[in-house]
Protein backbone atom coordinates (compact mmCIF):
# COMPACT_ATOMS: atom_id res chain seq x y z
CA MET A 1 0.00 0.00 0.00
CA THR A 2 1.32 3.43 -0.97
CA ARG A 3 2.21 5.61 2.01
CA LEU A 4 0.90 9.15 2.26
CA CYS A 5 3.19 12.00 3.25
CA LYS A 6 3.90 12.45 6.96
CA ASN A 7 2.26 15.87 7.22
CA GLU A 8 -0.97 14.54 5.75
CA LEU A 9 -0.98 11.59 8.15
CA LYS A 10 -0.28 13.95 11.06
CA PHE A 11 -3.23 16.10 10.00
CA TYR A 12 -5.56 13.07 9.90
CA PHE A 13 -4.32 11.89 13.31
CA ILE A 14 -4.73 15.32 14.93
CA ALA A 15 -8.14 15.90 13.34
CA TRP A 16 -9.42 12.45 14.38
CA THR A 17 -8.06 12.64 17.92
CA SER A 18 -9.28 16.20 18.45
CA GLY A 19 -12.74 15.31 17.18
CA VAL A 20 -12.98 12.29 19.48
CA LEU A 21 -11.82 14.23 22.55
CA TYR A 22 -14.12 17.17 21.84
CA SER A 23 -17.12 14.88 21.34
CA LEU A 24 -16.32 13.03 24.59
CA TYR A 25 -16.25 16.39 26.37
CA HIS A 26 -19.82 16.96 25.17
CA VAL A 27 -20.76 13.49 26.47
CA TYR A 28 -19.32 14.50 29.83
CA LEU A 29 -21.45 17.67 29.84
CA ALA A 30 -24.56 15.71 28.86
CA GLY A 31 -23.94 13.13 31.58
CA ARG A 32 -23.89 15.71 34.35
CA TYR A 33 -27.66 16.06 34.00
CA ILE A 34 -28.48 12.48 34.91
CA SER A 35 -25.83 12.37 37.64
CA THR A 36 -27.48 15.21 39.55
CA GLY A 37 -30.86 13.65 40.14
CA TYR A 38 -32.40 12.64 36.82
CA GLY A 39 -30.73 9.23 36.75
CA SER A 40 -31.83 6.13 38.62
CA TYR A 41 -30.48 5.53 42.10
CA TYR A 42 -29.21 2.13 40.94
CA ASP A 43 -27.15 3.62 38.08
CA PHE A 44 -24.64 5.32 40.37
CA ALA A 45 -22.60 4.74 43.50
CA VAL A 46 -20.20 6.77 45.59
CA GLY A 47 -17.00 6.96 43.56
CA TRP A 48 -13.36 7.11 44.53
CA SER A 49 -12.95 9.39 47.51
CA TRP A 50 -10.26 11.61 45.98
CA ILE A 51 -12.38 12.35 42.88
CA LYS A 52 -15.55 13.29 44.79
CA LYS A 53 -17.87 12.33 41.95
CA ARG A 54 -20.47 9.61 41.54
CA GLN A 55 -19.48 6.54 39.54
CA ASP A 56 -21.54 4.85 36.83
CA ILE A 57 -22.22 1.27 37.98
CA SER A 58 -24.99 0.42 35.51
CA ASP A 59 -23.01 -1.91 33.24
CA GLY A 60 -23.92 -5.38 34.45
CA GLU A 61 -21.13 -7.18 32.60
CA TRP A 62 -18.35 -5.07 34.08
CA TRP A 63 -19.61 -5.21 37.65
CA THR A 64 -20.15 -8.98 37.36
CA PHE A 65 -16.94 -9.99 35.58
CA ILE A 66 -14.41 -7.81 37.43
CA PRO A 67 -15.41 -8.94 40.97
CA LEU A 68 -15.42 -12.54 39.69
CA ILE A 69 -11.90 -12.19 38.25
CA LYS A 70 -10.69 -10.76 41.57
CA LYS A 71 -12.28 -13.72 43.34
CA LEU A 72 -10.64 -16.15 40.92
CA VAL A 73 -7.08 -14.80 41.28
CA PRO A 74 -6.02 -16.95 44.30
CA TRP A 75 -7.68 -20.01 42.77
CA VAL A 76 -5.93 -19.52 39.44
CA ALA A 77 -2.61 -18.91 41.21
CA GLY A 78 -3.03 -22.24 42.99
CA GLN A 79 -3.97 -23.95 39.74
CA LEU A 80 -0.86 -22.60 37.99
CA LEU A 81 1.44 -23.61 40.84
CA ILE A 82 0.25 -27.23 40.95
CA SER A 83 -0.07 -27.61 37.17
CA HIS A 84 3.54 -26.53 36.65
CA PHE A 85 4.62 -28.93 39.40
CA ILE A 86 2.79 -31.75 37.57
CA LYS A 87 4.49 -30.81 34.30
CA TYR A 88 7.87 -30.53 36.02
CA LYS A 89 7.48 -34.04 37.46
CA LYS A 90 6.38 -35.24 33.98
CA PHE A 91 3.18 -36.88 35.17
CA ASN A 92 0.89 -37.94 32.36
CA ASN A 93 -1.79 -35.69 30.87
CA THR A 94 -4.61 -37.45 32.71
CA VAL A 95 -3.15 -36.33 36.05
CA LEU A 96 -2.92 -32.73 34.82
CA CYS A 97 -6.46 -32.76 33.43
CA SER A 98 -7.74 -34.31 36.66
CA TRP A 99 -6.16 -31.43 38.57
CA TYR A 100 -7.88 -28.90 36.28
CA ILE A 101 -11.22 -30.58 37.00
CA ILE A 102 -10.61 -30.74 40.76
CA ILE A 103 -9.71 -27.06 41.14
CA THR A 104 -12.67 -25.89 39.03
CA ALA A 105 -15.13 -28.25 40.72
CA THR A 106 -13.93 -27.07 44.14
CA PHE A 107 -14.45 -23.42 43.18
CA ILE A 108 -17.93 -24.14 41.83
CA TRP A 109 -18.75 -26.12 44.98
CA THR A 110 -17.84 -23.15 47.18
CA GLN A 111 -20.10 -20.87 45.12
CA LEU A 112 -23.02 -23.08 44.02
CA GLY A 113 -22.76 -26.32 45.97
CA LEU A 114 -22.86 -29.87 44.64
CA SER A 115 -25.77 -29.12 42.29
CA GLY A 116 -23.63 -26.55 40.48
CA VAL A 117 -20.83 -29.07 39.98
CA LEU A 118 -23.25 -31.67 38.60
CA PHE A 119 -24.79 -29.07 36.28
CA PHE A 120 -21.45 -28.26 34.66
CA LEU A 121 -20.54 -31.93 34.25
CA ILE A 122 -23.54 -32.51 31.96
CA GLN A 123 -22.12 -30.87 28.82
CA PRO A 124 -18.74 -32.68 28.70
CA SER A 125 -20.48 -35.98 29.48
CA VAL A 126 -22.86 -35.51 26.55
CA VAL A 127 -19.92 -34.59 24.32
CA CYS A 128 -18.08 -37.79 25.18
CA LEU A 129 -21.15 -39.87 24.35
CA LEU A 130 -21.57 -38.05 21.02
CA ILE A 131 -17.96 -38.74 20.11
CA ALA A 132 -18.53 -42.45 20.74
CA ILE A 133 -21.33 -42.43 18.14
CA ARG A 134 -18.89 -40.97 15.55
CA ASN A 135 -21.55 -39.23 13.47
CA LEU A 136 -20.53 -35.67 12.58
CA PRO A 137 -23.95 -34.48 11.30
CA LEU A 138 -25.56 -35.81 14.48
CA ILE A 139 -22.97 -33.96 16.59
CA TYR A 140 -23.78 -30.66 14.87
CA PHE A 141 -27.52 -31.31 15.16
CA VAL A 142 -27.35 -32.05 18.91
CA GLU A 143 -24.90 -29.23 19.69
CA LEU A 144 -26.85 -26.58 17.77
CA GLY A 145 -30.14 -27.90 19.14
CA THR A 146 -28.76 -27.64 22.67
CA LEU A 147 -27.64 -24.09 21.92
CA TYR A 148 -31.18 -23.19 20.89
CA LEU A 149 -32.61 -25.00 23.92
CA TYR A 150 -30.63 -22.75 26.26
CA HIS A 151 -32.79 -19.86 25.06
CA TYR A 152 -35.99 -21.60 26.21
CA ASN A 153 -36.79 -19.49 29.26
CA PRO A 154 -39.22 -21.86 31.07
CA LEU A 155 -36.55 -24.57 31.09
CA MET A 156 -33.72 -22.28 32.16
CA ASN A 157 -35.86 -20.63 34.86
CA LEU A 158 -36.49 -24.12 36.21
CA VAL A 159 -32.73 -24.74 36.30
CA TRP A 160 -31.85 -21.38 37.90
CA ASN A 161 -34.70 -21.10 40.40
CA ASP A 162 -35.68 -24.67 41.30
CA TRP A 163 -32.47 -26.64 40.85
CA LEU A 164 -29.50 -24.32 41.42
CA LYS A 165 -31.41 -21.65 43.39
CA VAL A 166 -29.09 -18.82 42.34
CA ASN A 167 -29.58 -15.06 42.49
CA GLN A 168 -29.91 -12.81 39.44
CA GLU A 169 -26.19 -12.06 39.24
CA TRP A 170 -25.28 -15.73 39.13
CA GLN A 171 -28.08 -16.39 36.63
CA TYR A 172 -26.44 -13.95 34.24
CA LEU A 173 -22.97 -15.33 34.90
CA LEU A 174 -24.05 -18.94 34.42
CA THR A 175 -25.92 -18.05 31.23
CA VAL A 176 -22.73 -16.57 29.78
CA THR A 177 -20.75 -19.58 30.99
CA ILE A 178 -22.94 -22.24 29.38
CA PHE A 179 -22.65 -20.52 26.01
CA TRP A 180 -18.86 -20.40 26.32
CA THR A 181 -18.93 -24.07 27.33
CA GLN A 182 -21.09 -24.85 24.31
CA LEU A 183 -18.39 -23.49 21.99
CA ARG A 184 -15.81 -25.66 23.74
CA SER A 185 -18.03 -28.73 23.51
CA ILE A 186 -18.46 -28.21 19.75
CA SER A 187 -14.71 -27.76 19.32
CA CYS A 188 -13.69 -30.90 21.19
CA SER A 189 -16.51 -33.07 19.79
CA VAL A 190 -15.75 -32.20 16.15
CA ASP A 191 -11.98 -32.55 16.68
CA ASN A 192 -12.33 -35.86 18.52
CA VAL A 193 -14.69 -37.54 16.08
CA THR A 194 -11.81 -37.85 13.58
CA ARG A 195 -9.41 -39.28 16.17
CA TYR A 196 -11.77 -41.72 17.89
CA GLN A 197 -10.00 -43.48 20.78
CA HIS A 198 -12.80 -45.17 22.76
CA LYS A 199 -11.42 -48.67 22.23
CA ASN A 200 -12.20 -49.69 25.81
CA LEU A 201 -13.52 -48.26 29.07
CA SER A 202 -10.11 -46.94 30.07
CA SER A 203 -9.69 -44.89 26.88
CA PHE A 204 -13.28 -43.63 27.21
CA LEU A 205 -12.63 -42.38 30.76
CA LYS A 206 -9.32 -40.81 29.74
CA ASN A 207 -11.03 -38.94 26.92
CA LEU A 208 -13.87 -37.89 29.25
CA ILE A 209 -11.36 -36.43 31.73
CA GLU A 210 -9.57 -34.51 28.97
CA ILE A 211 -12.81 -33.11 27.52
CA THR A 212 -14.12 -32.14 30.96
CA ALA A 213 -10.84 -30.38 31.78
CA TYR A 214 -11.12 -28.37 28.54
CA CYS A 215 -14.78 -27.44 29.05
CA LEU A 216 -14.19 -26.45 32.69
CA TYR A 217 -10.79 -24.77 32.36
CA LEU A 218 -10.97 -22.27 35.23
CA PRO A 219 -9.13 -19.12 33.98
CA THR A 220 -11.42 -18.76 30.93
CA MET A 221 -14.48 -20.78 31.92
CA PHE A 222 -16.73 -17.88 32.94
CA THR A 223 -15.43 -14.94 30.93
CA GLY A 224 -13.62 -16.26 27.86
CA PRO A 225 -11.71 -15.82 25.67
CA PHE A 226 -12.35 -18.98 23.69
CA PHE A 227 -9.42 -21.05 22.48
CA LEU A 228 -9.52 -24.13 20.29
CA TYR A 229 -9.40 -27.66 21.70
CA SER A 230 -6.21 -28.25 19.69
CA ASP A 231 -4.55 -25.28 21.44
CA PHE A 232 -5.57 -26.72 24.81
CA ARG A 233 -3.93 -30.06 23.98
CA LYS A 234 -0.76 -28.31 22.80
CA GLY A 235 -0.64 -26.52 26.16
CA PHE A 236 -0.53 -29.58 28.35
CA ASN A 237 1.65 -31.58 25.99
CA GLY A 238 4.51 -29.13 26.26
CA SER A 239 5.75 -26.70 28.91
CA GLU A 240 7.73 -23.54 28.15
CA LYS A 241 10.52 -22.82 30.60
CA TRP A 242 10.13 -19.87 32.96
CA THR A 243 12.96 -17.57 31.95
CA VAL A 244 13.54 -14.05 33.25
CA ARG A 245 12.10 -12.74 29.99
CA ARG A 246 8.93 -14.82 30.28
CA VAL A 247 8.37 -13.70 33.88
CA GLY A 248 8.89 -10.09 32.84
CA VAL A 249 6.47 -10.33 29.90
CA THR A 250 3.78 -11.98 32.06
CA VAL A 251 4.11 -9.42 34.86
CA LEU A 252 4.12 -6.49 32.43
CA ASN A 253 1.02 -7.79 30.65
CA LEU A 254 -0.85 -8.27 33.93
CA LEU A 255 0.14 -4.73 34.97
CA ARG A 256 -0.96 -3.41 31.56
CA TYR A 257 -4.43 -4.94 31.81
CA THR A 258 -4.73 -3.80 35.43
CA PHE A 259 -3.83 -0.29 34.28
CA TRP A 260 -6.67 -0.33 31.73
CA LEU A 261 -9.01 -1.68 34.40
CA LEU A 262 -8.22 1.35 36.57
CA VAL A 263 -8.46 3.76 33.62
CA THR A 264 -11.88 2.36 32.69
CA GLU A 265 -13.19 2.68 36.24
CA LEU A 266 -11.73 6.19 36.45
CA MET A 267 -13.60 7.23 33.30
CA MET A 268 -16.84 5.91 34.82
CA HIS A 269 -16.68 8.95 37.11
CA PHE A 270 -16.82 11.33 34.13
CA LEU A 271 -18.46 9.58 31.17
CA TYR A 272 -21.79 8.03 32.17
CA THR A 273 -22.06 6.02 28.97
CA SER A 274 -23.75 2.94 30.40
CA ALA A 275 -26.26 4.95 32.43
CA LEU A 276 -27.18 7.11 29.42
CA LYS A 277 -28.26 4.00 27.49
CA SER A 278 -31.24 3.76 29.85
CA TYR A 279 -32.49 7.21 28.77
CA PRO A 280 -32.97 7.15 24.98
CA GLU A 281 -35.29 10.16 25.09
CA ARG A 282 -32.46 12.15 26.63
CA VAL A 283 -29.89 10.82 24.15
CA GLY A 284 -32.16 11.71 21.23
CA ALA A 285 -32.05 15.36 22.30
CA PHE A 286 -28.23 15.55 22.25
CA ASN A 287 -26.49 17.86 19.83
CA SER A 288 -24.43 16.13 17.13
CA TRP A 289 -21.14 16.32 19.04
CA ALA A 290 -22.64 14.72 22.15
CA PHE A 291 -24.73 12.24 20.15
CA TYR A 292 -21.93 10.78 18.06
CA GLY A 293 -19.48 11.11 20.94
CA PHE A 294 -21.89 8.97 22.95
CA GLY A 295 -21.81 6.36 20.17
CA TYR A 296 -18.02 6.35 20.16
CA SER A 297 -17.89 6.10 23.95
CA MET A 298 -20.17 3.05 23.88
CA GLY A 299 -17.78 1.32 21.51
CA GLN A 300 -14.66 2.38 23.39
CA PHE A 301 -16.05 1.25 26.74
CA PHE A 302 -17.07 -2.10 25.24
CA CYS A 303 -13.57 -2.46 23.80
CA ASN A 304 -11.88 -1.53 27.09
CA LYS A 305 -14.06 -4.00 28.95
CA TYR A 306 -12.94 -6.93 26.84
CA ILE A 307 -9.33 -5.79 26.69
CA VAL A 308 -9.35 -6.11 30.49
CA VAL A 309 -11.46 -9.29 30.78
CA TYR A 310 -9.89 -11.19 27.86
CA GLY A 311 -6.47 -9.77 28.66
CA LEU A 312 -6.35 -10.95 32.27
CA ALA A 313 -8.00 -14.33 31.64
CA GLY A 314 -5.87 -14.92 28.56
CA GLU A 315 -2.65 -14.03 30.39
CA PHE A 316 -3.50 -16.53 33.15
CA SER A 317 -3.92 -19.18 30.42
CA ARG A 318 -0.66 -18.26 28.69
CA ALA A 319 1.09 -18.59 32.05
CA ASP A 320 -0.24 -22.16 32.00
CA ASP A 321 1.30 -22.77 28.54
CA ILE A 322 -2.04 -22.46 26.73
CA ASP A 323 -1.88 -20.02 23.82
CA ALA A 324 -5.08 -18.04 24.38
CA PRO A 325 -5.93 -15.42 21.73
CA PRO A 326 -4.76 -11.85 22.41
CA PRO A 327 -7.27 -9.22 23.55
CA PRO A 328 -9.16 -7.01 21.07
CA LYS A 329 -7.50 -4.44 18.86
CA CYS A 330 -8.65 -0.91 19.75
CA ILE A 331 -11.80 -0.06 17.78
CA GLY A 332 -10.31 3.34 16.89
CA ARG A 333 -7.86 1.49 14.61
CA VAL A 334 -10.43 -0.67 12.79
CA HIS A 335 -12.46 0.54 9.79
CA LEU A 336 -13.60 -2.64 8.00
CA TYR A 337 -16.18 -5.27 9.01
CA SER A 338 -13.78 -8.12 8.26
CA GLU A 339 -11.03 -6.55 10.36
CA MET A 340 -13.39 -6.06 13.30
CA TRP A 341 -14.37 -9.73 13.25
CA LYS A 342 -10.76 -10.88 12.89
CA HIS A 343 -9.26 -8.67 15.58
CA PHE A 344 -11.92 -8.09 18.24
CA ASP A 345 -12.95 -11.52 19.55
CA ARG A 346 -10.17 -13.50 17.91
CA GLY A 347 -11.06 -16.77 19.62
CA LEU A 348 -14.66 -16.60 18.42
CA TYR A 349 -13.39 -15.77 14.93
CA GLN A 350 -11.16 -18.89 14.94
CA PHE A 351 -14.14 -20.98 16.04
CA LEU A 352 -16.41 -19.61 13.32
CA VAL A 353 -13.84 -20.14 10.57
CA LYS A 354 -12.95 -23.68 11.64
CA TYR A 355 -16.34 -25.10 12.60
CA ILE A 356 -19.03 -23.06 10.79
CA TYR A 357 -17.72 -21.11 7.78
CA GLY A 358 -14.88 -23.42 6.72
CA PRO A 359 -16.78 -26.73 6.52
CA ILE A 360 -19.42 -25.11 4.28
CA ALA A 361 -17.06 -23.07 2.09
CA GLN A 362 -15.01 -26.16 1.23
CA TYR A 363 -17.86 -27.56 -0.89
CA ASN A 364 -17.96 -26.65 -4.57
CA PHE A 365 -21.29 -25.01 -5.39
CA PRO A 366 -22.38 -21.54 -6.58
CA LEU A 367 -22.36 -18.75 -3.99
CA LYS A 368 -20.77 -21.06 -1.42
CA LYS A 369 -19.07 -18.17 0.41
CA PHE A 370 -22.33 -16.21 0.53
CA PHE A 371 -24.18 -19.21 1.96
CA ALA A 372 -21.35 -19.94 4.42
CA SER A 373 -21.43 -16.32 5.64
CA PHE A 374 -25.21 -16.46 5.99
CA LEU A 375 -25.07 -19.57 8.19
CA THR A 376 -22.15 -18.15 10.17
CA PHE A 377 -24.06 -15.02 11.10
CA GLY A 378 -27.11 -17.16 11.80
CA PHE A 379 -25.01 -19.01 14.35
CA ILE A 380 -23.77 -15.70 15.77
CA TYR A 381 -27.38 -14.59 16.21
CA ILE A 382 -28.37 -17.76 18.07
CA TRP A 383 -25.23 -17.81 20.21
CA HIS A 384 -25.47 -14.16 21.29
CA GLY A 385 -29.17 -14.37 22.12
CA LEU A 386 -32.49 -14.45 20.29
CA ALA A 387 -33.24 -10.76 20.80
CA GLN A 388 -34.40 -8.29 18.17
CA TYR A 389 -31.39 -6.01 18.56
CA VAL A 390 -29.03 -9.00 18.18
CA PHE A 391 -30.85 -10.00 14.98
CA ILE A 392 -30.47 -6.51 13.49
CA TRP A 393 -26.81 -6.38 14.53
CA SER A 394 -26.16 -9.81 12.97
CA LEU A 395 -28.09 -8.91 9.80
CA PHE A 396 -26.23 -5.61 9.32
CA ASN A 397 -22.93 -7.40 9.85
CA PHE A 398 -23.84 -10.02 7.26
CA ILE A 399 -24.83 -7.32 4.76
CA GLY A 400 -21.67 -5.35 5.50
CA ILE A 401 -19.40 -8.38 5.06
CA THR A 402 -21.18 -9.22 1.79
CA ILE A 403 -20.76 -5.68 0.44
CA GLU A 404 -17.10 -5.73 1.44
CA SER A 405 -16.58 -9.08 -0.31
CA ILE A 406 -18.21 -7.79 -3.49
CA ALA A 407 -16.03 -4.67 -3.35
CA ARG A 408 -12.90 -6.80 -2.93
CA TYR A 409 -13.94 -8.90 -5.93
CA ILE A 410 -14.43 -5.77 -8.05
CA GLY A 411 -11.11 -4.44 -6.78
CA THR A 412 -9.28 -7.46 -8.22
CA SER A 413 -10.82 -7.11 -11.69
CA SER A 414 -8.58 -5.99 -14.55
CA ALA A 415 -11.08 -3.38 -15.77
CA TYR A 416 -11.29 -1.67 -12.38
CA ASN A 417 -7.51 -1.58 -11.96
CA TYR A 418 -7.07 -0.31 -15.53
CA TYR A 419 -9.24 2.76 -14.90
CA LEU A 420 -7.79 3.23 -11.42
CA ASP A 421 -4.24 3.31 -12.79
CA LYS A 422 -5.28 5.51 -15.70
CA TYR A 423 -6.99 8.29 -13.76
CA LEU A 424 -5.55 8.18 -10.23
CA SER A 425 -2.07 8.22 -8.78
CA PRO A 426 -1.24 5.57 -6.14
CA LYS A 427 -1.75 8.13 -3.34
CA ASN A 428 -5.07 9.33 -4.75
CA ALA A 429 -6.14 5.72 -5.22
CA ARG A 430 -5.58 5.17 -1.50
CA ARG A 431 -7.60 8.30 -0.68
CA PHE A 432 -10.35 7.11 -3.03
CA HIS A 433 -10.52 3.72 -1.32
CA CYS A 434 -10.82 5.43 2.06
CA LEU A 435 -13.61 7.62 0.70
CA ILE A 436 -15.73 4.79 -0.69
CA ALA A 437 -15.19 2.73 2.50
CA SER A 438 -16.59 5.52 4.69
CA PRO A 439 -20.31 4.63 4.23
CA LEU A 440 -19.51 1.04 5.20
CA LEU A 441 -17.73 2.29 8.32
CA SER A 442 -20.84 4.31 9.22
CA MET A 443 -23.03 1.25 8.69
CA SER A 444 -20.69 -0.81 10.86
CA ALA A 445 -20.90 1.77 13.64
CA VAL A 446 -24.71 1.93 13.53
CA SER A 447 -25.02 -1.87 13.61
CA ASN A 448 -22.77 -2.01 16.66
CA PHE A 449 -24.85 0.66 18.41
CA TYR A 450 -27.78 -1.77 18.31
CA PHE A 451 -25.57 -4.36 20.00
CA PHE A 452 -24.19 -1.94 22.59
CA GLY A 453 -27.36 -0.05 23.43
CA GLY A 454 -30.38 -2.09 22.35
CA MET A 455 -33.25 -1.28 20.00
CA ALA A 456 -34.11 2.20 21.23
CA ILE A 457 -30.54 3.50 21.06
CA GLY A 458 -29.84 1.77 17.74
CA ASN A 459 -32.97 3.24 16.17
CA LEU A 460 -31.93 6.74 17.24
CA PHE A 461 -28.63 6.39 15.36
CA THR A 462 -30.33 4.86 12.31
CA PHE A 463 -32.88 7.68 12.07
CA ARG A 464 -30.28 10.39 12.51
CA PHE A 465 -27.94 8.71 10.04
CA PHE A 466 -30.59 8.67 7.30
CA GLN A 467 -31.65 12.20 8.15
CA GLY A 468 -28.09 13.25 7.39
CA LYS A 469 -27.63 15.20 10.61
C-alpha cells in the first residue's frame, strides 16, 4: 500500500483525535444532567474518595466480571502452581487434566454447591457420548439444538430457580458460561470424532477427563476468551521454561491490563455512557457532538471491557502454557467489518472459521461463500441471544461483510484496476478507497450501536444517520 506524506498523516491523526476528545467532552457535559438527580439511584454509587464524583455502575457485565476475576485470582494462582509442578514431574496428561477438574469443581462447589458441579458436568459428558457415536452431522444437530434449547426461558428458569437456586447475578454469569462451554463442547466433539479413541472403558474415561478439563478450564471458563481444543492439547503436551524474559512479559502484561481496568473505572466517574443507554429520550435530544461522541464512547467502553477481561483471563492461560488469543485491537484502529471480526474476539473468529464457515465453504457449489457467511451469522445470532437487537446487529454485519466481499472482488478485476491506474495516482487511489469505504464504516458503527445499546438507542442512530444530521 502506498504511504501518504507524513504531514498529511499527522493532519488526519490530529483531526481524528481532536474530534474524538471534543465529542467526549460533550458526552461529559450531557452526563452531568443524569448524575445530579435525573438518573436512577441504581445507576450510580459513591465513587473514589479523591475524585468526589459519583461513579456509573450500571453496566452489568463489568460489575459482574471484574469482581469474579478478583475472586478467581487466588484459585488460578493455585492452579498454575500445581499444574507446573505436575508438568515438572512429567506426570501424564490425565493427572494434569484431573487437577484442572478438581480445582474448578472445588471453586464451583464453594459458590453453588454440589448441584452446580453436577450441572457443569452434563455438557462434557454428553460430548463424550456423542464422540462415541462418531456421526458428525448428528454432533452438529445435537450441539446446535442444545444451543437453541438454552434460550428456552421456562426450562432455564427451572434450572436457575428450582435446581441451582441462584440469584440474578449468578443467573447472568451462568448463562454466559454455558454458552462459552457450548463453543468448547463443539470444538472438542468435532476434533475428537476424527481421532476416535474409545477402544475400551479406560480410553473412554481418559477422553472424558480430557474433555471435561477443557470445558471447565478455570481461567477462561466464565469470561472467555475462547481457544480451540487443539490449542488446549498443545498446552498440556509441552511446557515452556520460565525464563527471566517470560516472567517479565507476564508481569508487564498483567500490569498493563490492570492499568486499563483502573483507567476504565476512572472514566466511569466522568463519562456516564452505560447509564445514558437507559435514557434514549435524553440521548435523542443531544447535539451532534454529544450524540456521536456517545456512540463512540459506547464502543470504546465495550472495547476496554474486553481488553481487560480477555487480557487478564488470557494471560492466566498463557502462564499455564495455553496459547489463548490476544485481547481485542482498539476499535479506533479498525475501519472494515472483516477486520473487526478478525481482531476483536479472535477466539470466536477462529471458532467460526474452523467449525461453521470453513466446513461449508469447502464444498464446490455456486455462492458457497455467501451461503457460508449467511449460516455463520445465523449461528452468531443464536449464540449471542435471540433478541431483536441482536438479529439486526447480525443482519447488518452479514450485509456489511457481503458488500465488502463484493467490493474486494471488483477491486481485483482488470477493468477496475485499468481505470484506477489511468486516472488516479497511487496516493489518490488510496484516498479514493478510504472515501468509498466511509459509508460502510458508518453502517458498521450503527449496527454495533444496536448491539451496545439495544433497539431504542440503535434506532436513534439509524434515524439520525438517514436524516443526514
